[in-house]
């Protein structure tokens, strides 16, 4: 049974920081590309950051320089360090695991991030 469990969300003031974690189980983690998506109310889900199995990262333009995604294959976990948070970063953040060759894709349940004073 595949599980992706996000944690670390919460309420933070503008300019603050949060670190999201996503712990994976039931998959051969180091063979999956991982992604963080977010969905704000009334908006489509968007890809915020991704990391390949080899560790190459890619970011949504609006978060470049503020967010950093990393992975720890020994812990089957990915992280999203979010600094200089803005109210427009408010959304539910979802973890995703993708194996393109096997066409397998899994989602976590999401964690709420709210940036407000």
PDB file of N, CA and C in Angstrom:
ATOM      1  N   UNK A   1       0.850  -1.179   0.000  1.00  0.00           N
ATOM      2  CA  UNK A   1       0.000   0.000   0.000  1.00  0.00           C
ATOM      3  C   UNK A   1       0.895   1.243   0.000  1.00  0.00           C
ATOM      4  N   UNK A   2       0.660   2.111  -0.986  1.00  0.00           N
ATOM      5  CA  UNK A   2       1.462   3.310  -1.113  1.00  0.00           C
ATOM      6  C   UNK A   2       0.870   4.411  -0.239  1.00  0.00           C
ATOM      7  N   UNK A   3       1.738   5.077   0.493  1.00  0.00           N
ATOM      8  CA  UNK A   3       1.304   6.228   1.301  1.00  0.00           C
ATOM      9  C   UNK A   3       2.298   7.364   1.157  1.00  0.00           C
ATOM     10  N   UNK A   4       1.767   8.554   0.959  1.00  0.00           N
ATOM     11  CA  UNK A   4       2.555   9.777   1.008  1.00  0.00           C
ATOM     12  C   UNK A   4       1.926  10.636   2.096  1.00  0.00           C
ATOM     13  N   UNK A   5       2.689  10.929   3.128  1.00  0.00           N
ATOM     14  CA  UNK A   5       2.142  11.640   4.280  1.00  0.00           C
ATOM     15  C   UNK A   5       2.864  12.971   4.434  1.00  0.00           C
ATOM     16  N   UNK A   6       2.107  14.051   4.200  1.00  0.00           N
ATOM     17  CA  UNK A   6       2.677  15.397   4.341  1.00  0.00           C
ATOM     18  C   UNK A   6       2.537  15.895   5.769  1.00  0.00           C
ATOM     19  N   UNK A   7       3.455  16.750   6.158  1.00  0.00           N
ATOM     20  CA  UNK A   7       3.379  17.406   7.458  1.00  0.00           C
ATOM     21  C   UNK A   7       4.118  18.731   7.374  1.00  0.00           C
ATOM     22  N   UNK A   8       3.894  19.576   8.380  1.00  0.00           N
ATOM     23  CA  UNK A   8       4.636  20.821   8.459  1.00  0.00           C
ATOM     24  C   UNK A   8       3.866  22.066   8.080  1.00  0.00           C
ATOM     25  N   UNK A   9       2.640  21.900   7.616  1.00  0.00           N
ATOM     26  CA  UNK A   9       1.850  23.072   7.267  1.00  0.00           C
ATOM     27  C   UNK A   9       1.391  23.820   8.506  1.00  0.00           C
ATOM     28  N   UNK A  10       0.795  24.991   8.276  1.00  0.00           N
ATOM     29  CA  UNK A  10       0.299  25.773   9.397  1.00  0.00           C
ATOM     30  C   UNK A  10       0.075  27.208   9.016  1.00  0.00           C
ATOM     31  N   UNK A  11      -0.107  28.030  10.039  1.00  0.00           N
ATOM     32  CA  UNK A  11      -0.321  29.460   9.867  1.00  0.00           C
ATOM     33  C   UNK A  11       0.985  30.197  10.148  1.00  0.00           C
ATOM     34  N   UNK A  12       1.362  31.081   9.242  1.00  0.00           N
ATOM     35  CA  UNK A  12       2.604  31.830   9.393  1.00  0.00           C
ATOM     36  C   UNK A  12       2.373  33.259   8.907  1.00  0.00           C
ATOM     37  N   UNK A  13       3.086  34.191   9.486  1.00  0.00           N
ATOM     38  CA  UNK A  13       2.973  35.584   9.053  1.00  0.00           C
ATOM     39  C   UNK A  13       3.751  35.810   7.765  1.00  0.00           C
ATOM     40  N   UNK A  14       3.359  36.808   6.994  1.00  0.00           N
ATOM     41  CA  UNK A  14       4.144  37.150   5.793  1.00  0.00           C
ATOM     42  C   UNK A  14       5.606  37.385   6.153  1.00  0.00           C
ATOM     43  N   UNK A  15       6.480  36.850   5.299  1.00  0.00           N
ATOM     44  CA  UNK A  15       7.908  36.932   5.561  1.00  0.00           C
ATOM     45  C   UNK A  15       8.451  35.769   6.360  1.00  0.00           C
ATOM     46  N   UNK A  16       7.570  34.947   6.898  1.00  0.00           N
ATOM     47  CA  UNK A  16       7.985  33.818   7.710  1.00  0.00           C
ATOM     48  C   UNK A  16       8.389  32.608   6.885  1.00  0.00           C
ATOM     49  N   UNK A  17       8.698  31.525   7.597  1.00  0.00           N
ATOM     50  CA  UNK A  17       9.179  30.303   6.959  1.00  0.00           C
ATOM     51  C   UNK A  17       8.422  29.087   7.482  1.00  0.00           C
ATOM     52  N   UNK A  18       8.331  28.091   6.633  1.00  0.00           N
ATOM     53  CA  UNK A  18       7.818  26.778   6.993  1.00  0.00           C
ATOM     54  C   UNK A  18       8.612  25.734   6.240  1.00  0.00           C
ATOM     55  N   UNK A  19       8.693  24.539   6.818  1.00  0.00           N
ATOM     56  CA  UNK A  19       9.283  23.411   6.099  1.00  0.00           C
ATOM     57  C   UNK A  19       8.271  22.287   6.051  1.00  0.00           C
ATOM     58  N   UNK A  20       7.909  21.930   4.838  1.00  0.00           N
ATOM     59  CA  UNK A  20       7.016  20.799   4.630  1.00  0.00           C
ATOM     60  C   UNK A  20       7.830  19.524   4.448  1.00  0.00           C
ATOM     61  N   UNK A  21       7.275  18.435   4.935  1.00  0.00           N
ATOM     62  CA  UNK A  21       7.883  17.122   4.754  1.00  0.00           C
ATOM     63  C   UNK A  21       6.863  16.184   4.130  1.00  0.00           C
ATOM     64  N   UNK A  22       7.350  15.237   3.362  1.00  0.00           N
ATOM     65  CA  UNK A  22       6.493  14.197   2.777  1.00  0.00           C
ATOM     66  C   UNK A  22       7.223  12.876   2.922  1.00  0.00           C
ATOM     67  N   UNK A  23       6.670  12.013   3.757  1.00  0.00           N
ATOM     68  CA  UNK A  23       7.253  10.695   3.980  1.00  0.00           C
ATOM     69  C   UNK A  23       6.527   9.662   3.124  1.00  0.00           C
ATOM     70  N   UNK A  24       7.288   8.921   2.347  1.00  0.00           N
ATOM     71  CA  UNK A  24       6.718   7.937   1.432  1.00  0.00           C
ATOM     72  C   UNK A  24       6.940   6.524   1.947  1.00  0.00           C
ATOM     73  N   UNK A  25       5.970   5.670   1.694  1.00  0.00           N
ATOM     74  CA  UNK A  25       6.109   4.253   1.996  1.00  0.00           C
ATOM     75  C   UNK A  25       5.389   3.452   0.914  1.00  0.00           C
ATOM     76  N   UNK A  26       5.832   2.214   0.728  1.00  0.00           N
ATOM     77  CA  UNK A  26       5.188   1.353  -0.258  1.00  0.00           C
ATOM     78  C   UNK A  26       5.701   1.512  -1.677  1.00  0.00           C
ATOM     79  N   UNK A  27       6.720   2.351  -1.881  1.00  0.00           N
ATOM     80  CA  UNK A  27       7.318   2.520  -3.198  1.00  0.00           C
ATOM     81  C   UNK A  27       8.842   2.426  -3.072  1.00  0.00           C
ATOM     82  N   UNK A  28       9.498   2.140  -4.211  1.00  0.00           N
ATOM     83  CA  UNK A  28      10.960   2.194  -4.238  1.00  0.00           C
ATOM     84  C   UNK A  28      11.298   3.659  -4.459  1.00  0.00           C
ATOM     85  N   UNK A  29      11.464   4.361  -3.355  1.00  0.00           N
ATOM     86  CA  UNK A  29      11.468   5.818  -3.343  1.00  0.00           C
ATOM     87  C   UNK A  29      12.506   6.411  -4.290  1.00  0.00           C
ATOM     88  N   UNK A  30      13.699   5.854  -4.317  1.00  0.00           N
ATOM     89  CA  UNK A  30      14.771   6.494  -5.090  1.00  0.00           C
ATOM     90  C   UNK A  30      14.582   6.340  -6.596  1.00  0.00           C
ATOM     91  N   UNK A  31      13.539   5.667  -7.014  1.00  0.00           N
ATOM     92  CA  UNK A  31      13.245   5.546  -8.436  1.00  0.00           C
ATOM     93  C   UNK A  31      12.146   6.484  -8.902  1.00  0.00           C
ATOM     94  N   UNK A  32      11.627   7.275  -7.971  1.00  0.00           N
ATOM     95  CA  UNK A  32      10.522   8.170  -8.278  1.00  0.00           C
ATOM     96  C   UNK A  32      10.971   9.630  -8.317  1.00  0.00           C
ATOM     97  N   UNK A  33      10.462  10.362  -9.309  1.00  0.00           N
ATOM     98  CA  UNK A  33      10.512  11.815  -9.251  1.00  0.00           C
ATOM     99  C   UNK A  33       9.438  12.258  -8.270  1.00  0.00           C
ATOM    100  N   UNK A  34       9.742  13.303  -7.524  1.00  0.00           N
ATOM    101  CA  UNK A  34       8.802  13.795  -6.515  1.00  0.00           C
ATOM    102  C   UNK A  34       8.449  15.240  -6.812  1.00  0.00           C
ATOM    103  N   UNK A  35       7.250  15.609  -6.449  1.00  0.00           N
ATOM    104  CA  UNK A  35       6.814  16.980  -6.688  1.00  0.00           C
ATOM    105  C   UNK A  35       5.987  17.519  -5.541  1.00  0.00           C
ATOM    106  N   UNK A  36       6.040  18.826  -5.388  1.00  0.00           N
ATOM    107  CA  UNK A  36       5.124  19.538  -4.494  1.00  0.00           C
ATOM    108  C   UNK A  36       4.193  20.383  -5.367  1.00  0.00           C
ATOM    109  N   UNK A  37       2.908  20.177  -5.187  1.00  0.00           N
ATOM    110  CA  UNK A  37       1.885  20.950  -5.870  1.00  0.00           C
ATOM    111  C   UNK A  37       1.119  21.758  -4.817  1.00  0.00           C
ATOM    112  N   UNK A  38       0.411  22.757  -5.303  1.00  0.00           N
ATOM    113  CA  UNK A  38      -0.467  23.487  -4.390  1.00  0.00           C
ATOM    114  C   UNK A  38      -1.756  23.875  -5.114  1.00  0.00           C
ATOM    115  N   UNK A  39      -2.790  24.019  -4.307  1.00  0.00           N
ATOM    116  CA  UNK A  39      -4.084  24.428  -4.854  1.00  0.00           C
ATOM    117  C   UNK A  39      -4.731  25.414  -3.899  1.00  0.00           C
ATOM    118  N   UNK A  40      -4.938  26.611  -4.399  1.00  0.00           N
ATOM    119  CA  UNK A  40      -5.623  27.650  -3.634  1.00  0.00           C
ATOM    120  C   UNK A  40      -7.112  27.597  -3.957  1.00  0.00           C
ATOM    121  N   UNK A  41      -7.965  28.105  -3.082  1.00  0.00           N
ATOM    122  CA  UNK A  41      -9.417  28.076  -3.331  1.00  0.00           C
ATOM    123  C   UNK A  41      -9.765  28.744  -4.656  1.00  0.00           C
ATOM    124  N   UNK A  42     -10.538  28.041  -5.461  1.00  0.00           N
ATOM    125  CA  UNK A  42     -10.981  28.577  -6.738  1.00  0.00           C
ATOM    126  C   UNK A  42      -9.941  28.555  -7.837  1.00  0.00           C
ATOM    127  N   UNK A  43      -8.782  27.956  -7.564  1.00  0.00           N
ATOM    128  CA  UNK A  43      -7.719  27.916  -8.563  1.00  0.00           C
ATOM    129  C   UNK A  43      -7.343  26.480  -8.889  1.00  0.00           C
ATOM    130  N   UNK A  44      -6.676  26.332 -10.025  1.00  0.00           N
ATOM    131  CA  UNK A  44      -6.216  25.004 -10.410  1.00  0.00           C
ATOM    132  C   UNK A  44      -4.970  24.610  -9.629  1.00  0.00           C
ATOM    133  N   UNK A  45      -4.786  23.326  -9.492  1.00  0.00           N
ATOM    134  CA  UNK A  45      -3.584  22.825  -8.844  1.00  0.00           C
ATOM    135  C   UNK A  45      -2.387  23.139  -9.731  1.00  0.00           C
ATOM    136  N   UNK A  46      -1.295  23.601  -9.103  1.00  0.00           N
ATOM    137  CA  UNK A  46      -0.099  23.939  -9.865  1.00  0.00           C
ATOM    138  C   UNK A  46       1.132  23.289  -9.254  1.00  0.00           C
ATOM    139  N   UNK A  47       2.089  23.001 -10.124  1.00  0.00           N
ATOM    140  CA  UNK A  47       3.347  22.415  -9.678  1.00  0.00           C
ATOM    141  C   UNK A  47       4.234  23.523  -9.121  1.00  0.00           C
ATOM    142  N   UNK A  48       4.644  23.368  -7.885  1.00  0.00           N
ATOM    143  CA  UNK A  48       5.483  24.362  -7.221  1.00  0.00           C
ATOM    144  C   UNK A  48       6.958  24.020  -7.370  1.00  0.00           C
ATOM    145  N   UNK A  49       7.287  22.753  -7.155  1.00  0.00           N
ATOM    146  CA  UNK A  49       8.683  22.327  -7.229  1.00  0.00           C
ATOM    147  C   UNK A  49       8.717  20.844  -7.505  1.00  0.00           C
ATOM    148  N   UNK A  50       9.786  20.412  -8.165  1.00  0.00           N
ATOM    149  CA  UNK A  50       9.959  18.988  -8.426  1.00  0.00           C
ATOM    150  C   UNK A  50      11.425  18.626  -8.279  1.00  0.00           C
ATOM    151  N   UNK A  51      11.649  17.338  -8.049  1.00  0.00           N
ATOM    152  CA  UNK A  51      13.018  16.838  -7.941  1.00  0.00           C
ATOM    153  C   UNK A  51      13.064  15.464  -8.580  1.00  0.00           C
ATOM    154  N   UNK A  52      14.046  15.270  -9.443  1.00  0.00           N
ATOM    155  CA  UNK A  52      14.177  13.986 -10.117  1.00  0.00           C
ATOM    156  C   UNK A  52      14.804  12.955  -9.186  1.00  0.00           C
ATOM    157  N   UNK A  53      14.831  11.710  -9.643  1.00  0.00           N
ATOM    158  CA  UNK A  53      15.442  10.657  -8.833  1.00  0.00           C
ATOM    159  C   UNK A  53      16.930  10.924  -8.609  1.00  0.00           C
ATOM    160  N   UNK A  54      17.533  11.673  -9.515  1.00  0.00           N
ATOM    161  CA  UNK A  54      18.956  11.989  -9.383  1.00  0.00           C
ATOM    162  C   UNK A  54      19.207  13.294  -8.641  1.00  0.00           C
ATOM    163  N   UNK A  55      18.120  13.995  -8.245  1.00  0.00           N
ATOM    164  CA  UNK A  55      18.274  15.182  -7.420  1.00  0.00           C
ATOM    165  C   UNK A  55      18.201  16.515  -8.134  1.00  0.00           C
ATOM    166  N   UNK A  56      17.878  16.488  -9.409  1.00  0.00           N
ATOM    167  CA  UNK A  56      17.756  17.754 -10.139  1.00  0.00           C
ATOM    168  C   UNK A  56      16.425  18.402  -9.807  1.00  0.00           C
ATOM    169  N   UNK A  57      16.453  19.689  -9.529  1.00  0.00           N
ATOM    170  CA  UNK A  57      15.244  20.391  -9.099  1.00  0.00           C
ATOM    171  C   UNK A  57      14.756  21.388 -10.142  1.00  0.00           C
ATOM    172  N   UNK A  58      13.477  21.690 -10.036  1.00  0.00           N
ATOM    173  CA  UNK A  58      12.862  22.686 -10.898  1.00  0.00           C
ATOM    174  C   UNK A  58      11.792  23.397 -10.084  1.00  0.00           C
ATOM    175  N   UNK A  59      11.604  24.696 -10.342  1.00  0.00           N
ATOM    176  CA  UNK A  59      10.695  25.493  -9.516  1.00  0.00           C
ATOM    177  C   UNK A  59       9.770  26.352 -10.349  1.00  0.00           C
ATOM    178  N   UNK A  60       8.588  26.577  -9.790  1.00  0.00           N
ATOM    179  CA  UNK A  60       7.676  27.572 -10.326  1.00  0.00           C
ATOM    180  C   UNK A  60       8.366  28.928 -10.238  1.00  0.00           C
ATOM    181  N   UNK A  61       8.217  29.731 -11.280  1.00  0.00           N
ATOM    182  CA  UNK A  61       8.932  30.998 -11.334  1.00  0.00           C
ATOM    183  C   UNK A  61       8.690  31.864 -10.104  1.00  0.00           C
ATOM    184  N   UNK A  62       7.468  31.884  -9.621  1.00  0.00           N
ATOM    185  CA  UNK A  62       7.117  32.786  -8.516  1.00  0.00           C
ATOM    186  C   UNK A  62       7.714  32.375  -7.166  1.00  0.00           C
ATOM    187  N   UNK A  63       8.279  31.166  -7.076  1.00  0.00           N
ATOM    188  CA  UNK A  63       8.873  30.725  -5.809  1.00  0.00           C
ATOM    189  C   UNK A  63      10.386  30.591  -5.888  1.00  0.00           C
ATOM    190  N   UNK A  64      10.934  30.814  -7.068  1.00  0.00           N
ATOM    191  CA  UNK A  64      12.402  30.708  -7.220  1.00  0.00           C
ATOM    192  C   UNK A  64      13.096  31.685  -6.279  1.00  0.00           C
ATOM    193  N   UNK A  65      14.121  31.186  -5.603  1.00  0.00           N
ATOM    194  CA  UNK A  65      14.858  32.007  -4.659  1.00  0.00           C
ATOM    195  C   UNK A  65      14.251  32.028  -3.258  1.00  0.00           C
ATOM    196  N   UNK A  66      13.027  31.524  -3.130  1.00  0.00           N
ATOM    197  CA  UNK A  66      12.372  31.502  -1.819  1.00  0.00           C
ATOM    198  C   UNK A  66      12.160  30.073  -1.317  1.00  0.00           C
ATOM    199  N   UNK A  67      11.858  29.154  -2.228  1.00  0.00           N
ATOM    200  CA  UNK A  67      11.576  27.765  -1.862  1.00  0.00           C
ATOM    201  C   UNK A  67      12.734  26.878  -2.291  1.00  0.00           C
ATOM    202  N   UNK A  68      12.999  25.861  -1.494  1.00  0.00           N
ATOM    203  CA  UNK A  68      14.024  24.879  -1.833  1.00  0.00           C
ATOM    204  C   UNK A  68      13.487  23.486  -1.559  1.00  0.00           C
ATOM    205  N   UNK A  69      13.531  22.651  -2.605  1.00  0.00           N
ATOM    206  CA  UNK A  69      13.092  21.270  -2.455  1.00  0.00           C
ATOM    207  C   UNK A  69      14.302  20.363  -2.357  1.00  0.00           C
ATOM    208  N   UNK A  70      14.209  19.365  -1.480  1.00  0.00           N
ATOM    209  CA  UNK A  70      15.301  18.407  -1.334  1.00  0.00           C
ATOM    210  C   UNK A  70      14.714  17.035  -1.035  1.00  0.00           C
ATOM    211  N   UNK A  71      15.558  16.023  -1.166  1.00  0.00           N
ATOM    212  CA  UNK A  71      15.123  14.665  -0.857  1.00  0.00           C
ATOM    213  C   UNK A  71      16.198  13.945  -0.059  1.00  0.00           C
ATOM    214  N   UNK A  72      15.734  13.049   0.817  1.00  0.00           N
ATOM    215  CA  UNK A  72      16.615  12.181   1.596  1.00  0.00           C
ATOM    216  C   UNK A  72      16.182  10.757   1.292  1.00  0.00           C
ATOM    217  N   UNK A  73      16.901  10.108   0.387  1.00  0.00           N
ATOM    218  CA  UNK A  73      16.516   8.761  -0.030  1.00  0.00           C
ATOM    219  C   UNK A  73      16.636   7.743   1.100  1.00  0.00           C
ATOM    220  N   UNK A  74      17.510   8.005   2.061  1.00  0.00           N
ATOM    221  CA  UNK A  74      17.652   7.091   3.190  1.00  0.00           C
ATOM    222  C   UNK A  74      16.414   7.114   4.086  1.00  0.00           C
ATOM    223  N   UNK A  75      15.722   8.252   4.086  1.00  0.00           N
ATOM    224  CA  UNK A  75      14.523   8.395   4.918  1.00  0.00           C
ATOM    225  C   UNK A  75      13.238   8.339   4.111  1.00  0.00           C
ATOM    226  N   UNK A  76      13.347   8.129   2.800  1.00  0.00           N
ATOM    227  CA  UNK A  76      12.165   8.102   1.925  1.00  0.00           C
ATOM    228  C   UNK A  76      11.317   9.368   2.106  1.00  0.00           C
ATOM    229  N   UNK A  77      11.987  10.491   2.171  1.00  0.00           N
ATOM    230  CA  UNK A  77      11.305  11.750   2.492  1.00  0.00           C
ATOM    231  C   UNK A  77      11.782  12.874   1.573  1.00  0.00           C
ATOM    232  N   UNK A  78      10.832  13.720   1.187  1.00  0.00           N
ATOM    233  CA  UNK A  78      11.175  14.954   0.502  1.00  0.00           C
ATOM    234  C   UNK A  78      10.745  16.130   1.378  1.00  0.00           C
ATOM    235  N   UNK A  79      11.401  17.235   1.144  1.00  0.00           N
ATOM    236  CA  UNK A  79      11.156  18.440   1.930  1.00  0.00           C
ATOM    237  C   UNK A  79      10.920  19.628   1.003  1.00  0.00           C
ATOM    238  N   UNK A  80      10.192  20.594   1.518  1.00  0.00           N
ATOM    239  CA  UNK A  80      10.054  21.866   0.826  1.00  0.00           C
ATOM    240  C   UNK A  80      10.285  22.959   1.868  1.00  0.00           C
ATOM    241  N   UNK A  81      11.444  23.583   1.790  1.00  0.00           N
ATOM    242  CA  UNK A  81      11.740  24.704   2.670  1.00  0.00           C
ATOM    243  C   UNK A  81      11.189  25.961   2.015  1.00  0.00           C
ATOM    244  N   UNK A  82      10.300  26.641   2.718  1.00  0.00           N
ATOM    245  CA  UNK A  82       9.631  27.816   2.176  1.00  0.00           C
ATOM    246  C   UNK A  82       9.996  29.027   3.028  1.00  0.00           C
ATOM    247  N   UNK A  83      10.699  29.957   2.430  1.00  0.00           N
ATOM    248  CA  UNK A  83      11.108  31.183   3.110  1.00  0.00           C
ATOM    249  C   UNK A  83      10.428  32.390   2.477  1.00  0.00           C
ATOM    250  N   UNK A  84      10.463  33.499   3.181  1.00  0.00           N
ATOM    251  CA  UNK A  84       9.876  34.756   2.681  1.00  0.00           C
ATOM    252  C   UNK A  84       8.465  34.528   2.154  1.00  0.00           C
ATOM    253  N   UNK A  85       7.672  33.859   2.940  1.00  0.00           N
ATOM    254  CA  UNK A  85       6.325  33.493   2.500  1.00  0.00           C
ATOM    255  C   UNK A  85       5.449  34.721   2.299  1.00  0.00           C
ATOM    256  N   UNK A  86       4.575  34.609   1.298  1.00  0.00           N
ATOM    257  CA  UNK A  86       3.666  35.684   0.927  1.00  0.00           C
ATOM    258  C   UNK A  86       2.226  35.197   1.050  1.00  0.00           C
ATOM    259  N   UNK A  87       1.286  36.110   1.224  1.00  0.00           N
ATOM    260  CA  UNK A  87      -0.121  35.675   1.302  1.00  0.00           C
ATOM    261  C   UNK A  87      -0.552  34.852   0.086  1.00  0.00           C
ATOM    262  N   UNK A  88       0.010  35.144  -1.068  1.00  0.00           N
ATOM    263  CA  UNK A  88      -0.363  34.386  -2.268  1.00  0.00           C
ATOM    264  C   UNK A  88       0.180  32.965  -2.278  1.00  0.00           C
ATOM    265  N   UNK A  89       1.006  32.617  -1.305  1.00  0.00           N
ATOM    266  CA  UNK A  89       1.453  31.226  -1.165  1.00  0.00           C
ATOM    267  C   UNK A  89       0.432  30.374  -0.405  1.00  0.00           C
ATOM    268  N   UNK A  90      -0.598  31.006   0.100  1.00  0.00           N
ATOM    269  CA  UNK A  90      -1.631  30.280   0.838  1.00  0.00           C
ATOM    270  C   UNK A  90      -2.327  29.273  -0.067  1.00  0.00           C
ATOM    271  N   UNK A  91      -2.333  28.024   0.361  1.00  0.00           N
ATOM    272  CA  UNK A  91      -2.918  26.939  -0.439  1.00  0.00           C
ATOM    273  C   UNK A  91      -2.809  25.642   0.344  1.00  0.00           C
ATOM    274  N   UNK A  92      -3.456  24.622  -0.182  1.00  0.00           N
ATOM    275  CA  UNK A  92      -3.185  23.264   0.280  1.00  0.00           C
ATOM    276  C   UNK A  92      -2.032  22.733  -0.568  1.00  0.00           C
ATOM    277  N   UNK A  93      -1.013  22.225   0.106  1.00  0.00           N
ATOM    278  CA  UNK A  93       0.168  21.715  -0.579  1.00  0.00           C
ATOM    279  C   UNK A  93       0.130  20.186  -0.586  1.00  0.00           C
ATOM    280  N   UNK A  94       0.341  19.631  -1.783  1.00  0.00           N
ATOM    281  CA  UNK A  94       0.266  18.192  -1.976  1.00  0.00           C
ATOM    282  C   UNK A  94       1.609  17.638  -2.438  1.00  0.00           C
ATOM    283  N   UNK A  95       1.914  16.482  -1.925  1.00  0.00           N
ATOM    284  CA  UNK A  95       3.106  15.745  -2.344  1.00  0.00           C
ATOM    285  C   UNK A  95       2.702  14.758  -3.447  1.00  0.00           C
ATOM    286  N   UNK A  96       3.579  14.601  -4.422  1.00  0.00           N
ATOM    287  CA  UNK A  96       3.313  13.693  -5.543  1.00  0.00           C
ATOM    288  C   UNK A  96       4.537  12.850  -5.843  1.00  0.00           C
ATOM    289  N   UNK A  97       4.297  11.582  -6.144  1.00  0.00           N
ATOM    290  CA  UNK A  97       5.367  10.671  -6.564  1.00  0.00           C
ATOM    291  C   UNK A  97       5.046  10.169  -7.961  1.00  0.00           C
ATOM    292  N   UNK A  98       6.032  10.240  -8.843  1.00  0.00           N
ATOM    293  CA  UNK A  98       5.792   9.892 -10.238  1.00  0.00           C
ATOM    294  C   UNK A  98       6.895   8.990 -10.786  1.00  0.00           C
ATOM    295  N   UNK A  99       6.460   7.860 -11.375  1.00  0.00           N
ATOM    296  CA  UNK A  99       7.392   6.957 -12.036  1.00  0.00           C
ATOM    297  C   UNK A  99       6.970   6.916 -13.501  1.00  0.00           C
ATOM    298  N   UNK A 100       7.660   7.688 -14.338  1.00  0.00           N
ATOM    299  CA  UNK A 100       7.232   7.843 -15.720  1.00  0.00           C
ATOM    300  C   UNK A 100       7.288   6.537 -16.494  1.00  0.00           C
ATOM    301  N   UNK A 101       8.310   5.746 -16.267  1.00  0.00           N
ATOM    302  CA  UNK A 101       8.485   4.511 -17.039  1.00  0.00           C
ATOM    303  C   UNK A 101       7.350   3.529 -16.761  1.00  0.00           C
ATOM    304  N   UNK A 102       6.991   3.400 -15.504  1.00  0.00           N
ATOM    305  CA  UNK A 102       5.940   2.459 -15.125  1.00  0.00           C
ATOM    306  C   UNK A 102       4.558   3.096 -15.153  1.00  0.00           C
ATOM    307  N   UNK A 103       4.515   4.399 -15.445  1.00  0.00           N
ATOM    308  CA  UNK A 103       3.256   5.156 -15.471  1.00  0.00           C
ATOM    309  C   UNK A 103       2.512   4.972 -14.143  1.00  0.00           C
ATOM    310  N   UNK A 104       3.195   5.272 -13.072  1.00  0.00           N
ATOM    311  CA  UNK A 104       2.618   5.215 -11.735  1.00  0.00           C
ATOM    312  C   UNK A 104       2.685   6.603 -11.126  1.00  0.00           C
ATOM    313  N   UNK A 105       1.609   7.009 -10.478  1.00  0.00           N
ATOM    314  CA  UNK A 105       1.529   8.350  -9.921  1.00  0.00           C
ATOM    315  C   UNK A 105       0.691   8.312  -8.653  1.00  0.00           C
ATOM    316  N   UNK A 106       1.222   8.896  -7.596  1.00  0.00           N
ATOM    317  CA  UNK A 106       0.548   8.855  -6.297  1.00  0.00           C
ATOM    318  C   UNK A 106       0.516  10.248  -5.671  1.00  0.00           C
ATOM    319  N   UNK A 107      -0.525  10.480  -4.857  1.00  0.00           N
ATOM    320  CA  UNK A 107      -0.718  11.762  -4.188  1.00  0.00           C
ATOM    321  C   UNK A 107      -0.844  11.579  -2.680  1.00  0.00           C
ATOM    322  N   UNK A 108      -0.374  12.584  -1.952  1.00  0.00           N
ATOM    323  CA  UNK A 108      -0.643  12.662  -0.531  1.00  0.00           C
ATOM    324  C   UNK A 108      -1.982  13.325  -0.282  1.00  0.00           C
ATOM    325  N   UNK A 109      -2.325  13.449   0.992  1.00  0.00           N
ATOM    326  CA  UNK A 109      -3.638  13.992   1.357  1.00  0.00           C
ATOM    327  C   UNK A 109      -3.641  15.516   1.426  1.00  0.00           C
ATOM    328  N   UNK A 110      -2.474  16.119   1.441  1.00  0.00           N
ATOM    329  CA  UNK A 110      -2.357  17.573   1.465  1.00  0.00           C
ATOM    330  C   UNK A 110      -2.176  18.136   2.861  1.00  0.00           C
ATOM    331  N   UNK A 111      -1.527  19.287   2.908  1.00  0.00           N
ATOM    332  CA  UNK A 111      -1.347  20.008   4.160  1.00  0.00           C
ATOM    333  C   UNK A 111      -1.588  21.500   3.900  1.00  0.00           C
ATOM    334  N   UNK A 112      -2.335  22.129   4.783  1.00  0.00           N
ATOM    335  CA  UNK A 112      -2.721  23.522   4.583  1.00  0.00           C
ATOM    336  C   UNK A 112      -1.598  24.456   5.001  1.00  0.00           C
ATOM    337  N   UNK A 113      -1.296  25.404   4.129  1.00  0.00           N
ATOM    338  CA  UNK A 113      -0.368  26.490   4.448  1.00  0.00           C
ATOM    339  C   UNK A 113      -1.138  27.799   4.323  1.00  0.00           C
ATOM    340  N   UNK A 114      -1.150  28.570   5.394  1.00  0.00           N
ATOM    341  CA  UNK A 114      -1.839  29.849   5.401  1.00  0.00           C
ATOM    342  C   UNK A 114      -0.859  30.937   5.794  1.00  0.00           C
ATOM    343  N   UNK A 115      -0.728  31.934   4.922  1.00  0.00           N
ATOM    344  CA  UNK A 115       0.174  33.049   5.178  1.00  0.00           C
ATOM    345  C   UNK A 115      -0.684  34.293   5.389  1.00  0.00           C
ATOM    346  N   UNK A 116      -0.712  34.751   6.631  1.00  0.00           N
ATOM    347  CA  UNK A 116      -1.591  35.866   6.970  1.00  0.00           C
ATOM    348  C   UNK A 116      -1.098  36.553   8.228  1.00  0.00           C
ATOM    349  N   UNK A 117      -1.332  37.840   8.288  1.00  0.00           N
ATOM    350  CA  UNK A 117      -0.992  38.599   9.498  1.00  0.00           C
ATOM    351  C   UNK A 117      -2.205  38.694  10.421  1.00  0.00           C
TER     352      UNK A 117
END
